[in-house]
Amino acid sequence: MRWFFLLFCIAPGLSTAAPGCIQAFDGFLARFEANRAFQEENIIYPLKRSFVDAGADPEPKVVDKPLSKSDVKEGAAPVFPSKADQTKVPFEEVIKTPALDRRTVQLQKPDTGNLLIYRFQKIGECWKLVEFEDASI
């Protein structure tokens, strides 16, 4: 009986990842790039999205337009390109760590104005895409 009580007292302090979570960001990103269904499951909706409207008058401006789950699921807007698609463009991938629970992934095409910025956050034990910025000009 004492063991059961002790286990009951200790158990809430134990940290276990939710099923499907990949705690190491590198492993998470590799799966995120490779699996569209995994992407859709690991996005916080509505996904904050911004892009540059080059046709705005009198000058280009940044537009905020969140993406719903159905926007992403139906492919109405691309989210994160696969490694194969990154190679076709070609994009260079730069990963920044502004905090322990945050990562920023930049995909940029050298010598052009193409720049995609993805912001991820660790929520609980799982990494999630929380913002997408198309800063291409």
C-alpha atoms as a PDB file:
ATOM      1  CA  MET A   1       0.000   0.000   0.000  1.00  0.00           C
ATOM      2  CA  ARG A   2       2.868   2.389   0.784  1.00  0.00           C
ATOM      3  CA  TRP A   3       4.380   1.746  -2.654  1.00  0.00           C
ATOM      4  CA  PHE A   4       1.115   2.544  -4.351  1.00  0.00           C
ATOM      5  CA  PHE A   5       0.806   5.790  -2.371  1.00  0.00           C
ATOM      6  CA  LEU A   6       4.421   6.716  -3.153  1.00  0.00           C
ATOM      7  CA  LEU A   7       3.914   6.040  -6.862  1.00  0.00           C
ATOM      8  CA  PHE A   8       0.738   8.124  -6.820  1.00  0.00           C
ATOM      9  CA  CYS A   9       2.622  11.051  -5.237  1.00  0.00           C
ATOM     10  CA  ILE A  10       5.589  10.885  -7.621  1.00  0.00           C
ATOM     11  CA  ALA A  11       3.718  10.181 -10.883  1.00  0.00           C
ATOM     12  CA  PRO A  12       2.427  13.734 -11.492  1.00  0.00           C
ATOM     13  CA  GLY A  13       6.031  14.991 -11.541  1.00  0.00           C
ATOM     14  CA  LEU A  14       7.122  12.543 -14.198  1.00  0.00           C
ATOM     15  CA  SER A  15       7.347  14.033 -17.661  1.00  0.00           C
ATOM     16  CA  THR A  16       6.387  11.920 -20.612  1.00  0.00           C
ATOM     17  CA  ALA A  17       5.962  13.165 -24.139  1.00  0.00           C
ATOM     18  CA  ALA A  18       2.556  12.963 -25.702  1.00  0.00           C
ATOM     19  CA  PRO A  19       2.202  10.199 -28.289  1.00  0.00           C
ATOM     20  CA  GLY A  20       3.672  11.298 -31.615  1.00  0.00           C
ATOM     21  CA  CYS A  21       5.811  14.049 -30.085  1.00  0.00           C
ATOM     22  CA  ILE A  22       9.444  14.241 -31.050  1.00  0.00           C
ATOM     23  CA  GLN A  23      11.278  16.158 -28.354  1.00  0.00           C
ATOM     24  CA  ALA A  24      14.518  16.900 -30.240  1.00  0.00           C
ATOM     25  CA  PHE A  25      13.890  19.715 -32.714  1.00  0.00           C
ATOM     26  CA  ASP A  26      16.141  18.225 -35.422  1.00  0.00           C
ATOM     27  CA  GLY A  27      14.145  14.981 -35.408  1.00  0.00           C
ATOM     28  CA  PHE A  28      10.870  16.900 -35.349  1.00  0.00           C
ATOM     29  CA  LEU A  29      11.912  19.092 -38.294  1.00  0.00           C
ATOM     30  CA  ALA A  30      13.035  16.104 -40.375  1.00  0.00           C
ATOM     31  CA  ARG A  31       9.616  14.493 -39.928  1.00  0.00           C
ATOM     32  CA  PHE A  32       7.812  17.817 -40.427  1.00  0.00           C
ATOM     33  CA  GLU A  33       9.570  18.296 -43.786  1.00  0.00           C
ATOM     34  CA  ALA A  34       8.891  14.731 -44.904  1.00  0.00           C
ATOM     35  CA  ASN A  35       5.268  14.172 -43.891  1.00  0.00           C
ATOM     36  CA  ARG A  36       2.384  16.487 -44.817  1.00  0.00           C
ATOM     37  CA  ALA A  37      -0.049  14.777 -42.414  1.00  0.00           C
ATOM     38  CA  PHE A  38       2.468  15.250 -39.568  1.00  0.00           C
ATOM     39  CA  GLN A  39       2.709  18.941 -40.556  1.00  0.00           C
ATOM     40  CA  GLU A  40      -1.050  19.378 -40.385  1.00  0.00           C
ATOM     41  CA  GLU A  41      -1.145  17.782 -36.908  1.00  0.00           C
ATOM     42  CA  ASN A  42       1.631  20.012 -35.568  1.00  0.00           C
ATOM     43  CA  ILE A  43       0.362  23.463 -36.486  1.00  0.00           C
ATOM     44  CA  ILE A  44      -1.405  25.815 -34.100  1.00  0.00           C
ATOM     45  CA  TYR A  45      -4.592  26.998 -35.853  1.00  0.00           C
ATOM     46  CA  PRO A  46      -5.374  29.511 -37.031  1.00  0.00           C
ATOM     47  CA  LEU A  47      -1.780  29.690 -38.263  1.00  0.00           C
ATOM     48  CA  LYS A  48      -0.436  33.233 -38.153  1.00  0.00           C
ATOM     49  CA  ARG A  49       0.646  34.034 -41.693  1.00  0.00           C
ATOM     50  CA  SER A  50       1.989  37.203 -43.215  1.00  0.00           C
ATOM     51  CA  PHE A  51       3.291  38.051 -46.661  1.00  0.00           C
ATOM     52  CA  VAL A  52       4.435  41.047 -48.676  1.00  0.00           C
ATOM     53  CA  ASP A  53       1.838  42.383 -51.092  1.00  0.00           C
ATOM     54  CA  ALA A  54       4.147  43.721 -53.810  1.00  0.00           C
ATOM     55  CA  GLY A  55       1.189  45.127 -55.767  1.00  0.00           C
ATOM     56  CA  ALA A  56      -0.102  47.335 -52.963  1.00  0.00           C
ATOM     57  CA  ASP A  57      -0.430  51.016 -53.785  1.00  0.00           C
ATOM     58  CA  PRO A  58       1.450  53.278 -53.232  1.00  0.00           C
ATOM     59  CA  GLU A  59       4.099  50.802 -52.069  1.00  0.00           C
ATOM     60  CA  PRO A  60       4.426  47.148 -51.001  1.00  0.00           C
ATOM     61  CA  LYS A  61       2.999  46.329 -47.573  1.00  0.00           C
ATOM     62  CA  VAL A  62       2.877  43.387 -45.190  1.00  0.00           C
ATOM     63  CA  VAL A  63      -0.491  41.623 -45.067  1.00  0.00           C
ATOM     64  CA  ASP A  64      -1.594  39.371 -42.198  1.00  0.00           C
ATOM     65  CA  LYS A  65      -3.899  36.550 -43.275  1.00  0.00           C
ATOM     66  CA  PRO A  66      -4.245  33.601 -40.887  1.00  0.00           C
ATOM     67  CA  LEU A  67      -4.652  30.092 -42.286  1.00  0.00           C
ATOM     68  CA  SER A  68      -7.388  27.823 -40.997  1.00  0.00           C
ATOM     69  CA  LYS A  69      -7.017  24.079 -40.694  1.00  0.00           C
ATOM     70  CA  SER A  70      -9.127  23.626 -43.828  1.00  0.00           C
ATOM     71  CA  ASP A  71      -6.901  26.103 -45.763  1.00  0.00           C
ATOM     72  CA  VAL A  72      -3.894  23.959 -44.932  1.00  0.00           C
ATOM     73  CA  LYS A  73      -5.631  20.607 -45.392  1.00  0.00           C
ATOM     74  CA  GLU A  74      -7.051  21.562 -48.790  1.00  0.00           C
ATOM     75  CA  GLY A  75      -3.662  22.889 -49.914  1.00  0.00           C
ATOM     76  CA  ALA A  76      -5.072  26.372 -50.474  1.00  0.00           C
ATOM     77  CA  ALA A  77      -1.738  27.691 -49.242  1.00  0.00           C
ATOM     78  CA  PRO A  78       1.593  25.928 -49.120  1.00  0.00           C
ATOM     79  CA  VAL A  79       3.044  25.598 -45.671  1.00  0.00           C
ATOM     80  CA  PHE A  80       6.461  23.941 -45.400  1.00  0.00           C
ATOM     81  CA  PRO A  81       8.184  22.552 -48.499  1.00  0.00           C
ATOM     82  CA  SER A  82       9.601  19.033 -48.448  1.00  0.00           C
ATOM     83  CA  LYS A  83      13.363  18.496 -48.665  1.00  0.00           C
ATOM     84  CA  ALA A  84      12.913  17.512 -52.322  1.00  0.00           C
ATOM     85  CA  ASP A  85      11.074  20.773 -53.065  1.00  0.00           C
ATOM     86  CA  GLN A  86      13.719  22.747 -51.151  1.00  0.00           C
ATOM     87  CA  THR A  87      16.408  21.164 -53.335  1.00  0.00           C
ATOM     88  CA  LYS A  88      14.534  22.019 -56.550  1.00  0.00           C
ATOM     89  CA  VAL A  89      14.334  25.767 -55.766  1.00  0.00           C
ATOM     90  CA  PRO A  90      17.143  25.572 -54.239  1.00  0.00           C
ATOM     91  CA  PHE A  91      16.612  26.922 -50.730  1.00  0.00           C
ATOM     92  CA  GLU A  92      19.253  27.245 -48.058  1.00  0.00           C
ATOM     93  CA  GLU A  93      17.957  26.310 -44.606  1.00  0.00           C
ATOM     94  CA  VAL A  94      19.060  28.325 -41.573  1.00  0.00           C
ATOM     95  CA  ILE A  95      17.889  27.338 -38.081  1.00  0.00           C
ATOM     96  CA  LYS A  96      17.997  29.928 -35.302  1.00  0.00           C
ATOM     97  CA  THR A  97      17.391  29.377 -31.599  1.00  0.00           C
ATOM     98  CA  PRO A  98      16.018  32.557 -29.984  1.00  0.00           C
ATOM     99  CA  ALA A  99      15.058  30.601 -26.806  1.00  0.00           C
ATOM    100  CA  LEU A 100      15.148  27.019 -25.514  1.00  0.00           C
ATOM    101  CA  ASP A 101      11.499  26.481 -26.437  1.00  0.00           C
ATOM    102  CA  ARG A 102      11.581  28.350 -29.759  1.00  0.00           C
ATOM    103  CA  ARG A 103      13.153  27.790 -33.167  1.00  0.00           C
ATOM    104  CA  THR A 104      13.074  29.872 -36.322  1.00  0.00           C
ATOM    105  CA  VAL A 105      13.711  28.177 -39.648  1.00  0.00           C
ATOM    106  CA  GLN A 106      14.547  30.408 -42.595  1.00  0.00           C
ATOM    107  CA  LEU A 107      14.436  29.105 -46.143  1.00  0.00           C
ATOM    108  CA  GLN A 108      16.137  31.495 -48.505  1.00  0.00           C
ATOM    109  CA  LYS A 109      17.145  31.331 -52.122  1.00  0.00           C
ATOM    110  CA  PRO A 110      20.601  32.887 -52.477  1.00  0.00           C
ATOM    111  CA  ASP A 111      20.912  36.063 -54.540  1.00  0.00           C
ATOM    112  CA  THR A 112      17.129  36.549 -54.759  1.00  0.00           C
ATOM    113  CA  GLY A 113      14.477  38.124 -52.593  1.00  0.00           C
ATOM    114  CA  ASN A 114      12.930  34.730 -51.733  1.00  0.00           C
ATOM    115  CA  LEU A 115      12.724  34.301 -47.960  1.00  0.00           C
ATOM    116  CA  LEU A 116      10.314  32.085 -45.995  1.00  0.00           C
ATOM    117  CA  ILE A 117      10.370  32.259 -42.196  1.00  0.00           C
ATOM    118  CA  TYR A 118       8.814  29.589 -39.961  1.00  0.00           C
ATOM    119  CA  ARG A 119       8.511  30.039 -36.207  1.00  0.00           C
ATOM    120  CA  PHE A 120       8.150  26.966 -34.028  1.00  0.00           C
ATOM    121  CA  GLN A 121       7.443  26.736 -30.324  1.00  0.00           C
ATOM    122  CA  LYS A 122       7.627  23.853 -27.914  1.00  0.00           C
ATOM    123  CA  ILE A 123       4.227  23.638 -26.273  1.00  0.00           C
ATOM    124  CA  GLY A 124       4.284  21.139 -23.448  1.00  0.00           C
ATOM    125  CA  GLU A 125       6.519  18.398 -24.814  1.00  0.00           C
ATOM    126  CA  CYS A 126       5.636  18.904 -28.491  1.00  0.00           C
ATOM    127  CA  TRP A 127       6.989  21.245 -31.152  1.00  0.00           C
ATOM    128  CA  LYS A 128       4.369  23.205 -33.110  1.00  0.00           C
ATOM    129  CA  LEU A 129       4.473  25.610 -36.038  1.00  0.00           C
ATOM    130  CA  VAL A 130       3.004  28.861 -34.686  1.00  0.00           C
ATOM    131  CA  GLU A 131       3.777  31.380 -37.434  1.00  0.00           C
ATOM    132  CA  PHE A 132       4.653  31.506 -41.132  1.00  0.00           C
ATOM    133  CA  GLU A 133       6.031  34.619 -42.805  1.00  0.00           C
ATOM    134  CA  ASP A 134       6.659  34.930 -46.530  1.00  0.00           C
ATOM    135  CA  ALA A 135       9.122  37.834 -46.548  1.00  0.00           C
ATOM    136  CA  SER A 136       9.899  37.435 -50.254  1.00  0.00           C
ATOM    137  CA  ILE A 137      10.089  40.641 -52.249  1.00  0.00           C
END
